[in-house]
């Protein structure tokens, strides 16, 4: 079953430590199990610490709009 769930959270800036902290907090607050996250092609979310964290937690990434940034 696929449940589309939109959850937004503000972060101080796009530093990987803030992005990773926001993702970790979101996973604990969302009332459903997280199996995947959708991002655009920006490198803010697609960096080694975030990818490693997601892999350790069984969370896969998809690209919402392949080859197009959200400008």
N, C-alpha and C. Protein backbone atom coordinates (compact mmCIF):
# COMPACT_ATOMS: atom_id res chain seq x y z
N UNK A 1 0.84 -1.15 0.00
CA UNK A 1 0.00 0.00 0.00
C UNK A 1 0.90 1.23 0.00
N UNK A 2 0.49 2.24 -0.72
CA UNK A 2 1.21 3.50 -0.78
C UNK A 2 0.33 4.59 -0.18
N UNK A 3 0.88 5.31 0.77
CA UNK A 3 0.15 6.44 1.36
C UNK A 3 0.95 7.69 1.04
N UNK A 4 0.34 8.62 0.36
CA UNK A 4 1.01 9.89 0.08
C UNK A 4 0.85 10.80 1.28
N UNK A 5 1.95 11.19 1.87
CA UNK A 5 1.91 12.00 3.08
C UNK A 5 2.87 13.16 2.89
N UNK A 6 2.38 14.35 3.09
CA UNK A 6 3.23 15.54 2.98
C UNK A 6 3.50 16.04 4.39
N UNK A 7 4.76 16.19 4.71
CA UNK A 7 5.16 16.67 6.03
C UNK A 7 6.23 17.73 5.81
N UNK A 8 5.98 18.91 6.30
CA UNK A 8 6.96 19.98 6.12
C UNK A 8 7.59 20.36 7.45
N UNK A 9 8.81 20.77 7.37
CA UNK A 9 9.55 21.20 8.57
C UNK A 9 10.53 22.27 8.13
N UNK A 10 10.63 23.32 8.90
CA UNK A 10 11.61 24.35 8.58
C UNK A 10 12.97 23.95 9.16
N UNK A 11 14.01 24.34 8.47
CA UNK A 11 15.37 24.12 8.97
C UNK A 11 16.11 25.45 8.89
N UNK A 12 17.08 25.60 9.74
CA UNK A 12 17.82 26.87 9.86
C UNK A 12 18.44 27.31 8.53
N UNK A 13 19.10 26.41 7.87
CA UNK A 13 19.67 26.64 6.54
C UNK A 13 19.89 25.28 5.89
N UNK A 14 20.51 25.26 4.74
CA UNK A 14 20.64 23.99 4.04
C UNK A 14 21.92 23.23 4.37
N UNK A 15 22.54 23.53 5.50
CA UNK A 15 23.70 22.76 5.95
C UNK A 15 23.26 21.33 6.24
N UNK A 16 24.12 20.38 5.89
CA UNK A 16 23.73 18.97 6.03
C UNK A 16 23.36 18.60 7.46
N UNK A 17 23.97 19.25 8.45
CA UNK A 17 23.62 18.91 9.84
C UNK A 17 22.18 19.30 10.15
N UNK A 18 21.72 20.43 9.62
CA UNK A 18 20.34 20.86 9.86
C UNK A 18 19.35 20.00 9.07
N UNK A 19 19.72 19.66 7.84
CA UNK A 19 18.86 18.81 7.02
C UNK A 19 18.72 17.44 7.68
N UNK A 20 19.82 16.87 8.11
CA UNK A 20 19.79 15.55 8.74
C UNK A 20 19.02 15.58 10.05
N UNK A 21 19.19 16.61 10.85
CA UNK A 21 18.43 16.73 12.10
C UNK A 21 16.94 16.85 11.82
N UNK A 22 16.58 17.61 10.79
CA UNK A 22 15.17 17.75 10.43
C UNK A 22 14.57 16.43 9.96
N UNK A 23 15.32 15.67 9.18
CA UNK A 23 14.84 14.37 8.72
C UNK A 23 14.67 13.40 9.89
N UNK A 24 15.64 13.37 10.79
CA UNK A 24 15.55 12.48 11.95
C UNK A 24 14.35 12.82 12.82
N UNK A 25 14.12 14.10 13.06
CA UNK A 25 12.97 14.51 13.86
C UNK A 25 11.66 14.18 13.15
N UNK A 26 11.62 14.37 11.86
CA UNK A 26 10.40 14.10 11.09
C UNK A 26 10.02 12.63 11.15
N UNK A 27 11.01 11.75 11.04
CA UNK A 27 10.74 10.32 11.06
C UNK A 27 10.09 9.91 12.38
N UNK A 28 10.48 10.55 13.47
CA UNK A 28 9.89 10.19 14.76
C UNK A 28 8.50 10.80 14.93
N UNK A 29 8.21 11.90 14.23
CA UNK A 29 6.92 12.58 14.39
C UNK A 29 5.84 12.09 13.44
N UNK A 30 6.21 11.54 12.31
CA UNK A 30 5.23 11.08 11.33
C UNK A 30 4.64 9.76 11.84
N UNK A 31 3.31 9.65 11.86
CA UNK A 31 2.68 8.47 12.45
C UNK A 31 2.68 7.22 11.56
N UNK A 32 3.40 7.24 10.47
CA UNK A 32 3.48 6.09 9.56
C UNK A 32 4.95 5.71 9.37
N UNK A 33 5.19 4.47 9.01
CA UNK A 33 6.55 4.05 8.70
C UNK A 33 7.03 4.73 7.42
N UNK A 34 8.25 5.18 7.39
CA UNK A 34 8.80 5.85 6.23
C UNK A 34 9.63 4.85 5.44
N UNK A 35 9.28 4.66 4.18
CA UNK A 35 10.06 3.77 3.32
C UNK A 35 10.73 4.51 2.18
N UNK A 36 10.26 5.72 1.88
CA UNK A 36 10.85 6.47 0.78
C UNK A 36 10.64 7.96 0.93
N UNK A 37 11.53 8.73 0.34
CA UNK A 37 11.45 10.19 0.34
C UNK A 37 11.66 10.68 -1.09
N UNK A 38 10.90 11.70 -1.48
CA UNK A 38 11.01 12.28 -2.82
C UNK A 38 11.68 13.65 -2.74
N UNK A 39 12.69 13.85 -3.56
CA UNK A 39 13.40 15.12 -3.63
C UNK A 39 13.56 15.55 -5.07
N UNK A 40 13.89 16.84 -5.27
CA UNK A 40 14.27 17.26 -6.62
C UNK A 40 15.74 16.89 -6.81
N UNK A 41 16.36 17.38 -7.83
CA UNK A 41 17.74 17.00 -8.13
C UNK A 41 18.79 17.82 -7.41
N UNK A 42 18.39 18.68 -6.49
CA UNK A 42 19.35 19.49 -5.76
C UNK A 42 20.24 18.65 -4.86
N UNK A 43 21.42 19.15 -4.57
CA UNK A 43 22.36 18.40 -3.73
C UNK A 43 22.17 18.66 -2.25
N UNK A 44 21.20 19.48 -1.87
CA UNK A 44 20.96 19.76 -0.46
C UNK A 44 20.60 18.46 0.27
N UNK A 45 19.74 17.66 -0.32
CA UNK A 45 19.31 16.42 0.32
C UNK A 45 20.15 15.23 -0.10
N UNK A 46 20.69 15.28 -1.27
CA UNK A 46 21.44 14.13 -1.78
C UNK A 46 22.92 14.30 -1.48
N UNK A 47 23.28 14.12 -0.22
CA UNK A 47 24.68 14.18 0.18
C UNK A 47 25.01 12.93 0.99
N UNK A 48 26.28 12.64 1.17
CA UNK A 48 26.70 11.37 1.77
C UNK A 48 26.12 11.12 3.16
N UNK A 49 26.14 12.07 4.09
CA UNK A 49 25.57 11.78 5.41
C UNK A 49 24.08 11.44 5.37
N UNK A 50 23.33 12.15 4.54
CA UNK A 50 21.89 11.89 4.45
C UNK A 50 21.64 10.55 3.77
N UNK A 51 22.36 10.26 2.71
CA UNK A 51 22.20 8.98 2.01
C UNK A 51 22.57 7.83 2.93
N UNK A 52 23.64 7.98 3.69
CA UNK A 52 24.05 6.95 4.64
C UNK A 52 23.00 6.73 5.71
N UNK A 53 22.47 7.81 6.27
CA UNK A 53 21.42 7.71 7.29
C UNK A 53 20.19 7.00 6.73
N UNK A 54 19.79 7.38 5.53
CA UNK A 54 18.61 6.77 4.91
C UNK A 54 18.84 5.28 4.67
N UNK A 55 20.02 4.92 4.18
CA UNK A 55 20.33 3.51 3.94
C UNK A 55 20.30 2.70 5.22
N UNK A 56 20.82 3.27 6.30
CA UNK A 56 20.81 2.58 7.59
C UNK A 56 19.40 2.38 8.13
N UNK A 57 18.46 3.22 7.69
CA UNK A 57 17.08 3.15 8.17
C UNK A 57 16.12 2.55 7.16
N UNK A 58 16.63 1.99 6.07
CA UNK A 58 15.78 1.36 5.07
C UNK A 58 14.89 2.33 4.32
N UNK A 59 15.34 3.56 4.16
CA UNK A 59 14.58 4.59 3.46
C UNK A 59 15.24 4.82 2.10
N UNK A 60 14.44 4.72 1.04
CA UNK A 60 15.00 4.94 -0.29
C UNK A 60 14.62 6.33 -0.80
N UNK A 61 15.40 6.83 -1.74
CA UNK A 61 15.14 8.13 -2.34
C UNK A 61 14.58 7.95 -3.74
N UNK A 62 13.64 8.80 -4.08
CA UNK A 62 13.21 8.92 -5.47
C UNK A 62 13.34 10.38 -5.84
N UNK A 63 13.36 10.64 -7.10
CA UNK A 63 13.44 12.03 -7.55
C UNK A 63 12.08 12.42 -8.09
N UNK A 64 11.53 13.44 -7.49
CA UNK A 64 10.18 13.88 -7.84
C UNK A 64 10.11 14.31 -9.30
N UNK A 65 11.09 15.03 -9.75
CA UNK A 65 11.13 15.49 -11.14
C UNK A 65 12.52 15.20 -11.69
N UNK A 66 12.74 14.01 -12.21
CA UNK A 66 14.08 13.67 -12.69
C UNK A 66 14.62 14.69 -13.68
N UNK A 67 15.87 15.06 -13.48
CA UNK A 67 16.62 15.96 -14.36
C UNK A 67 16.09 17.39 -14.39
N UNK A 68 15.23 17.77 -13.44
CA UNK A 68 14.71 19.14 -13.38
C UNK A 68 14.77 19.63 -11.94
N UNK A 69 15.36 20.78 -11.75
CA UNK A 69 15.36 21.39 -10.42
C UNK A 69 14.09 22.18 -10.23
N UNK A 70 13.69 22.36 -8.99
CA UNK A 70 12.50 23.15 -8.68
C UNK A 70 12.93 24.59 -8.44
N UNK A 71 12.98 25.39 -9.48
CA UNK A 71 13.37 26.80 -9.35
C UNK A 71 12.15 27.64 -9.13
